[in-house]
Amino acid sequence: MNIPDNRDTGSSIQVSDRDRLTCLAGMLCPVMFALGYWAMVIAAALTDEFKPATLIIAGLETVAAWLGVHGWRKRTVMVSYVALAVMIGAFMLSKPLI
């Protein structure tokens, strides 16, 4: 199946199955983490255990989710790798802060 690499420009560069999997993981993983962290922010606000660090981590996960969706839409593997790196970095940062 011939799917262009970038639908906006009509480029005919093909994306391998491995790169599609990377783009899919780069989109789904940060989105799921962002949803989880925002649920944690809401729960912390409702139980009076809110910390500013929770909001910072949720913001970083939201940035990772946006990068993941952008990488998936544009079929850009490097953006997907950056999304995964930001997601992992925010997760590692959350351990000592939250």
N, C-alpha and C. Protein backbone atom coordinates (compact mmCIF):
# COMPACT_ATOMS: atom_id res chain seq x y z
N MET A 1 0.84 -1.17 0.00
CA MET A 1 0.00 0.00 0.00
C MET A 1 0.89 1.24 0.00
N ASN A 2 0.63 2.15 -0.87
CA ASN A 2 1.43 3.36 -0.99
C ASN A 2 0.80 4.48 -0.18
N ILE A 3 1.31 4.69 1.01
CA ILE A 3 0.86 5.80 1.85
C ILE A 3 1.97 6.83 1.86
N PRO A 4 1.68 8.05 1.46
CA PRO A 4 2.74 9.06 1.47
C PRO A 4 3.24 9.34 2.88
N ASP A 5 4.52 9.69 2.97
CA ASP A 5 5.14 9.98 4.26
C ASP A 5 4.50 11.21 4.89
N ASN A 6 4.27 12.22 4.12
CA ASN A 6 3.69 13.45 4.63
C ASN A 6 2.51 13.80 3.74
N ARG A 7 1.31 13.60 4.23
CA ARG A 7 0.12 13.82 3.42
C ARG A 7 -0.09 15.27 3.05
N ASP A 8 0.42 16.18 3.88
CA ASP A 8 0.22 17.60 3.60
C ASP A 8 1.01 18.04 2.37
N THR A 9 2.18 17.49 2.18
CA THR A 9 3.01 17.90 1.05
C THR A 9 2.91 16.94 -0.12
N GLY A 10 2.27 15.77 0.09
CA GLY A 10 2.15 14.81 -0.99
C GLY A 10 3.44 14.09 -1.29
N SER A 11 4.36 14.02 -0.34
CA SER A 11 5.62 13.34 -0.55
C SER A 11 5.37 11.85 -0.76
N SER A 12 6.16 11.23 -1.62
CA SER A 12 5.97 9.82 -1.93
C SER A 12 6.95 8.93 -1.16
N ILE A 13 7.63 9.45 -0.17
CA ILE A 13 8.56 8.66 0.62
C ILE A 13 7.77 7.66 1.45
N GLN A 14 8.15 6.40 1.40
CA GLN A 14 7.42 5.36 2.10
C GLN A 14 7.93 5.22 3.52
N VAL A 15 7.05 4.85 4.43
CA VAL A 15 7.39 4.65 5.83
C VAL A 15 7.38 3.15 6.09
N SER A 16 8.44 2.64 6.70
CA SER A 16 8.51 1.22 6.97
C SER A 16 7.56 0.84 8.10
N ASP A 17 7.29 -0.45 8.23
CA ASP A 17 6.40 -0.92 9.29
C ASP A 17 6.99 -0.62 10.66
N ARG A 18 8.31 -0.72 10.80
CA ARG A 18 8.97 -0.43 12.08
C ARG A 18 8.77 1.04 12.45
N ASP A 19 8.88 1.92 11.47
CA ASP A 19 8.69 3.34 11.74
C ASP A 19 7.23 3.65 12.06
N ARG A 20 6.32 2.94 11.44
CA ARG A 20 4.90 3.13 11.77
C ARG A 20 4.63 2.72 13.20
N LEU A 21 5.25 1.62 13.63
CA LEU A 21 5.08 1.16 15.00
C LEU A 21 5.67 2.17 15.98
N THR A 22 6.82 2.75 15.63
CA THR A 22 7.42 3.78 16.48
C THR A 22 6.51 5.00 16.57
N CYS A 23 5.96 5.42 15.46
CA CYS A 23 5.05 6.57 15.46
C CYS A 23 3.79 6.26 16.27
N LEU A 24 3.28 5.04 16.15
CA LEU A 24 2.09 4.66 16.90
C LEU A 24 2.37 4.62 18.40
N ALA A 25 3.51 4.04 18.78
CA ALA A 25 3.88 4.02 20.21
C ALA A 25 4.15 5.42 20.71
N GLY A 26 4.77 6.26 19.87
CA GLY A 26 5.05 7.63 20.26
C GLY A 26 3.79 8.45 20.44
N MET A 27 2.69 8.01 19.84
CA MET A 27 1.43 8.71 20.03
C MET A 27 0.65 8.13 21.21
N LEU A 28 0.49 6.83 21.26
CA LEU A 28 -0.38 6.21 22.25
C LEU A 28 0.17 6.28 23.67
N CYS A 29 1.45 5.98 23.84
CA CYS A 29 2.02 5.94 25.20
C CYS A 29 1.93 7.30 25.91
N PRO A 30 2.41 8.39 25.31
CA PRO A 30 2.31 9.67 26.01
C PRO A 30 0.86 10.12 26.24
N VAL A 31 -0.04 9.80 25.32
CA VAL A 31 -1.43 10.19 25.50
C VAL A 31 -2.02 9.47 26.71
N MET A 32 -1.73 8.19 26.85
CA MET A 32 -2.25 7.43 28.00
C MET A 32 -1.64 7.95 29.31
N PHE A 33 -0.34 8.23 29.30
CA PHE A 33 0.29 8.77 30.50
C PHE A 33 -0.28 10.15 30.85
N ALA A 34 -0.49 10.99 29.83
CA ALA A 34 -1.04 12.33 30.09
C ALA A 34 -2.43 12.24 30.69
N LEU A 35 -3.25 11.36 30.16
CA LEU A 35 -4.60 11.19 30.73
C LEU A 35 -4.52 10.73 32.18
N GLY A 36 -3.62 9.81 32.46
CA GLY A 36 -3.45 9.33 33.82
C GLY A 36 -2.97 10.41 34.77
N TYR A 37 -2.00 11.21 34.32
CA TYR A 37 -1.49 12.27 35.19
C TYR A 37 -2.53 13.37 35.40
N TRP A 38 -3.32 13.67 34.38
CA TRP A 38 -4.37 14.68 34.59
C TRP A 38 -5.45 14.16 35.53
N ALA A 39 -5.73 12.86 35.47
CA ALA A 39 -6.67 12.28 36.44
C ALA A 39 -6.09 12.37 37.85
N MET A 40 -4.76 12.20 37.94
CA MET A 40 -4.11 12.32 39.23
C MET A 40 -4.16 13.77 39.74
N VAL A 41 -4.02 14.74 38.86
CA VAL A 41 -4.11 16.15 39.25
C VAL A 41 -5.51 16.45 39.78
N ILE A 42 -6.53 15.95 39.09
CA ILE A 42 -7.91 16.19 39.53
C ILE A 42 -8.17 15.52 40.87
N ALA A 43 -7.70 14.28 41.02
CA ALA A 43 -7.89 13.57 42.28
C ALA A 43 -7.15 14.26 43.43
N ALA A 44 -5.95 14.73 43.15
CA ALA A 44 -5.18 15.43 44.19
C ALA A 44 -5.85 16.74 44.57
N ALA A 45 -6.42 17.43 43.61
CA ALA A 45 -7.11 18.69 43.91
C ALA A 45 -8.37 18.45 44.73
N LEU A 46 -9.06 17.37 44.46
CA LEU A 46 -10.29 17.07 45.20
C LEU A 46 -10.03 16.58 46.62
N THR A 47 -8.87 15.98 46.84
CA THR A 47 -8.55 15.44 48.17
C THR A 47 -7.60 16.34 48.96
N ASP A 48 -7.37 17.53 48.49
CA ASP A 48 -6.49 18.51 49.16
C ASP A 48 -5.06 18.00 49.33
N GLU A 49 -4.59 17.17 48.41
CA GLU A 49 -3.20 16.71 48.42
C GLU A 49 -2.45 17.25 47.21
N PHE A 50 -2.91 18.38 46.71
CA PHE A 50 -2.34 18.95 45.49
C PHE A 50 -0.94 19.49 45.75
N LYS A 51 -0.02 19.15 44.84
CA LYS A 51 1.34 19.69 44.85
C LYS A 51 1.60 20.33 43.49
N PRO A 52 2.33 21.44 43.45
CA PRO A 52 2.64 22.05 42.16
C PRO A 52 3.42 21.11 41.23
N ALA A 53 4.21 20.22 41.81
CA ALA A 53 4.99 19.29 40.98
C ALA A 53 4.07 18.38 40.16
N THR A 54 2.92 18.05 40.71
CA THR A 54 1.96 17.21 39.98
C THR A 54 1.49 17.92 38.72
N LEU A 55 1.24 19.19 38.82
CA LEU A 55 0.82 19.97 37.66
C LEU A 55 1.94 20.09 36.63
N ILE A 56 3.17 20.25 37.09
CA ILE A 56 4.32 20.34 36.19
C ILE A 56 4.50 19.03 35.41
N ILE A 57 4.41 17.91 36.11
CA ILE A 57 4.57 16.62 35.45
C ILE A 57 3.43 16.38 34.46
N ALA A 58 2.21 16.73 34.84
CA ALA A 58 1.07 16.58 33.92
C ALA A 58 1.27 17.47 32.68
N GLY A 59 1.83 18.65 32.87
CA GLY A 59 2.12 19.52 31.73
C GLY A 59 3.17 18.93 30.81
N LEU A 60 4.22 18.34 31.39
CA LEU A 60 5.24 17.69 30.57
C LEU A 60 4.67 16.50 29.80
N GLU A 61 3.81 15.74 30.45
CA GLU A 61 3.19 14.61 29.77
C GLU A 61 2.26 15.08 28.66
N THR A 62 1.62 16.23 28.85
CA THR A 62 0.77 16.79 27.81
C THR A 62 1.61 17.22 26.61
N VAL A 63 2.77 17.80 26.87
CA VAL A 63 3.69 18.15 25.77
C VAL A 63 4.13 16.89 25.03
N ALA A 64 4.45 15.84 25.77
CA ALA A 64 4.84 14.57 25.14
C ALA A 64 3.70 14.02 24.29
N ALA A 65 2.46 14.11 24.80
CA ALA A 65 1.31 13.63 24.04
C ALA A 65 1.11 14.44 22.76
N TRP A 66 1.28 15.76 22.85
CA TRP A 66 1.14 16.60 21.66
C TRP A 66 2.21 16.24 20.63
N LEU A 67 3.45 16.04 21.10
CA LEU A 67 4.52 15.65 20.18
C LEU A 67 4.23 14.29 19.55
N GLY A 68 3.68 13.37 20.34
CA GLY A 68 3.35 12.06 19.80
C GLY A 68 2.29 12.12 18.72
N VAL A 69 1.25 12.89 18.95
CA VAL A 69 0.19 13.04 17.94
C VAL A 69 0.75 13.74 16.70
N HIS A 70 1.59 14.74 16.90
CA HIS A 70 2.22 15.44 15.77
C HIS A 70 3.11 14.48 14.97
N GLY A 71 3.88 13.66 15.68
CA GLY A 71 4.74 12.69 14.99
C GLY A 71 3.94 11.66 14.22
N TRP A 72 2.79 11.25 14.75
CA TRP A 72 1.95 10.28 14.07
C TRP A 72 1.31 10.90 12.83
N ARG A 73 0.81 12.11 12.96
CA ARG A 73 0.13 12.75 11.83
C ARG A 73 1.08 13.05 10.69
N LYS A 74 2.29 13.47 11.03
CA LYS A 74 3.26 13.83 9.99
C LYS A 74 4.15 12.65 9.60
N ARG A 75 3.99 11.51 10.28
CA ARG A 75 4.82 10.33 10.05
C ARG A 75 6.30 10.66 10.20
N THR A 76 6.61 11.43 11.24
CA THR A 76 7.98 11.85 11.51
C THR A 76 8.50 11.03 12.69
N VAL A 77 9.43 10.13 12.42
CA VAL A 77 9.91 9.21 13.44
C VAL A 77 10.68 9.95 14.52
N MET A 78 11.45 10.96 14.16
CA MET A 78 12.25 11.68 15.15
C MET A 78 11.36 12.39 16.17
N VAL A 79 10.26 12.94 15.74
CA VAL A 79 9.34 13.59 16.67
C VAL A 79 8.73 12.54 17.61
N SER A 80 8.47 11.36 17.09
CA SER A 80 7.94 10.29 17.93
C SER A 80 8.97 9.86 18.97
N TYR A 81 10.24 9.79 18.58
CA TYR A 81 11.30 9.46 19.55
C TYR A 81 11.41 10.55 20.62
N VAL A 82 11.28 11.80 20.22
CA VAL A 82 11.33 12.90 21.20
C VAL A 82 10.14 12.81 22.15
N ALA A 83 8.97 12.47 21.62
CA ALA A 83 7.78 12.31 22.47
C ALA A 83 8.00 11.22 23.51
N LEU A 84 8.57 10.09 23.08
CA LEU A 84 8.84 9.01 24.02
C LEU A 84 9.89 9.41 25.04
N ALA A 85 10.90 10.17 24.61
CA ALA A 85 11.94 10.62 25.54
C ALA A 85 11.38 11.59 26.58
N VAL A 86 10.53 12.53 26.14
CA VAL A 86 9.92 13.47 27.08
C VAL A 86 9.01 12.72 28.06
N MET A 87 8.28 11.73 27.55
CA MET A 87 7.40 10.94 28.41
C MET A 87 8.20 10.21 29.49
N ILE A 88 9.28 9.54 29.07
CA ILE A 88 10.11 8.80 30.03
C ILE A 88 10.78 9.76 31.00
N GLY A 89 11.26 10.90 30.50
CA GLY A 89 11.90 11.89 31.37
C GLY A 89 10.93 12.44 32.42
N ALA A 90 9.72 12.73 32.00
CA ALA A 90 8.71 13.23 32.96
C ALA A 90 8.36 12.15 33.96
N PHE A 91 8.29 10.91 33.52
CA PHE A 91 7.99 9.82 34.45
C PHE A 91 9.11 9.66 35.48
N MET A 92 10.35 9.72 35.03
CA MET A 92 11.48 9.61 35.96
C MET A 92 11.55 10.80 36.90
N LEU A 93 11.20 11.97 36.41
CA LEU A 93 11.19 13.17 37.24
C LEU A 93 10.06 13.12 38.27
N SER A 94 8.99 12.44 37.93
CA SER A 94 7.85 12.38 38.84
C SER A 94 8.14 11.52 40.08
N LYS A 95 9.02 10.56 39.96
CA LYS A 95 9.29 9.69 41.11
C LYS A 95 9.79 10.46 42.33
N PRO A 96 10.81 11.33 42.22
CA PRO A 96 11.24 12.05 43.41
C PRO A 96 10.34 13.23 43.80
N LEU A 97 9.56 13.74 42.83
CA LEU A 97 8.76 14.95 43.11
C LEU A 97 7.39 14.66 43.69
N ILE A 98 6.79 13.58 43.26
CA ILE A 98 5.40 13.33 43.68
C ILE A 98 5.37 12.30 44.80
